[in-house]
Amino acid sequence: MERITEGLVRDLLTKHGYKDLNNDIVIAEQKSQIKRIQTLLKTASKASTGNAGYPEFIITWQADTNFVLVIECKANTKHHASPNLDKPKDFAVDGVLHYAKYLAKEYTVIAIAVSGTTEDSLKISNFLHACGTEKPKELTNEQGMLVEEILSFDDYYRLASYDPAVEKKRHQDLIAFARQLHELIWTAAKISEEDKPLLVSGTLIALMNQPFSKSYQYYSAEDMPKKWLEAIKDVLDKADIPKAKKDTMLQPYAGVAAQPNLGKPDSKVIKKYPAGVLFEVISQINEHVWPFINVYNNFDVVGHFYGEFLKYTGGDKKALGIVLTPKHVTELFCDLVQVSKEDTVLDICAGTGGFLIAAMHAMFKTATSEAEKIDIKKNKLIGIENNPKMFALAASNMILRGDGKANLFQSSCFEQSLQDYIKYPKETSELKRPNIGFLNPPYAQSKSDAELHELYFVKEMLDMLEKGGIGVAIIPLSCVISASSAKSEIIKYHTLKAVMSMPEDLFYPVGTVTCIVIFEAHKPHMQSEIHDPITGKITPKKAFKKTWFGFWKDDGFVKTKQMGRTDLYDRWPAIKERWLEAYLNNEVHPGESVTAYVTDEDEWLAEAYLETDYSDLKESDFEKVVRDFAIFKLTNRFEDQK
């Protein structure tokens, strides 16, 4: 009778297209040719004999070798699940969870239990056992409803991928792979630090070219760089981008392709990588990164690799002032201004495009049609990046997300003609003047860089926004402490709405301490000082309204040896919710937030206005403050001497 149930399952798999996926999907019955699965199930007998055991169906996907579906069948629906799920030999749910437990040591598993002998009587239960976790959970859809039918492979993969445990594990795997890839590039490719992320992004674009992705394994080591560059050019040619932008993008990749070790490795490397270094890089990125790109469109993968590679560079790891913004901060920016499909977002120092990607993802959540999503990608995202190589990274990021015509410009944000183009769009254009600005400006390398003061970048961004637009920037805390001409100039025209002091190690391993500043564009912050020439009376400068200050020093992330700074204990979602509620409602909480009137001569940080709670003060707290102050003074003395 069980054979009847298995036949019904085969029919459902056929109905949902499992057998029409170009052999990328492999359906094995009561066996597996995959050695890793054989090893994991070699003692998985349901009778606890210590012998091998296999479910009725094992379904794998060549594009993501860490994901597997298993199906266990029973003829009688009375044998669907036992009360305690502890009888794997006799019940479908018990049995499939038994196998999933073994496989979840190395796989993310969708476990499906099916019982019944007619299509109408079939009982189906779906479970997700995330790789490395102790227990499975019932599979639900986006609305939180239990899934009680067999779904298409794409639907299973999507629902599994967005489970927090699965996403965290895949992010950890990506970090581990970034370290592994760095070793490969450093030891074998021997290309410069700034070219390493170009090698990653260029490979991802090349893999979008189907002829290349299907045949790259047949190219010789000598031909591979040329074929790699041709594949990139072919993707760019098909994208709806002006030719000048294509040429600007292609140039940095041409420089990478010309690196001698990629096409003609030395004899030592040939022994280890007989097909060549570039083939090895492409193969590993295709296996470890491409599936991630396909699923997590809200994640700046190229920026992630750039940030990971920076950790292995010498010096202060700032890469000429470039400090990439963590993903949870780019998403926080979107939540602070509640980005929607109606907005147009500008980033004048786009870097790898992290803010634009986060904004696009947030906008998509409010879109109800494919036409609206196309409009968002085509008209609602504006980016400027001066560095040609960073521009290529940002543009590749947008192309990887199906956007061939993002308004991304390779230029200085101080270029007047470009500013005018953004401020005054043509009436015939669908592009609107931006109403939201996001910014992480290049950080000045020393106090002598007065013309590169981070607040001048903030002012340029705000000047480009429409009146009443909101600009959000993350800048060094030092910018808001002392009086400066930059502070005076910016609040002469724009209102300082809020400042949030951020965790000291937010950009670990870079030691820059930062804050988030939020401005309302083209609305002066304060009344200037008025001097009456007749009476001699002076009316001091005064802010028109109070500024909200948040003390956001603990985001729940901790530093780990293997993963860097990460939300190890899942504290961030609750912390973000509390922060947003306080800011959006202008709430004041002792020790956490406060409001105050400030001018350009005042300190713009919460610590200056919060009332101190001495009840929990310990001697160790005092020692830490004294130690930190001594280090701060010592560091600034050295800076002054530069």
Foldseek 3Di string as FASTA:
>chain_A
DQVLQVVVVVVVQVVLPQVPPPPQKDKDAFDDPDVVLCVLQQQLDLVNPRGGGAAGIWIAGNQARQEIEGEHEEAAPVQAADPVLCRLVRHQSSVQQSSCQSSLCRHWYWGKYWYHNDPVPIWIWIWTDHRPDRHIGTQDAPVRHGDTDDHHPVRVVQSNCPDPSNVVVLLLLLLVVLVVVLVLCVPQVVDDLLCVLVLLLLLLQLCVQPVCVVCVLPDALQCNLVSSLVSNLVLLVPFPEPPVLSVLLSVSSVVSSPRCRRRPTDPVVCVVVVRGSSVVSSVSCSHRPNVVLVRCQLDLSSVVSSLSSLVPDDDLSCVQQPFDADLVVLLLLCLLVVAELVFAEEEAACQLNNNVSSNLVSHVVRDDDPVSSLCCLAARYAYEHQDSSSLSNNQSSSVSVVRRHHNYYHHHLPDPVVLCCLQPPDPPDPHHQGQEYEYEARADPFPVVVVVQVLVVVQSRLVSHDAQGKYKYKYFLVSQAAFDVSLQVRLQFKAWAEKEFEAQCSRPPNRGGIIMTMIGHRDHQWDPWDADPPVRDIDHIWGPDKHKAFHHHCQCWDQDDSSGTGNPPPRRVVSSVVVSVCSVVVHDDAPTMDIDIDGSRHGRHRVVPHDDDCPPDDPVVVVVVVVVVVVVVVVNVVSVVD
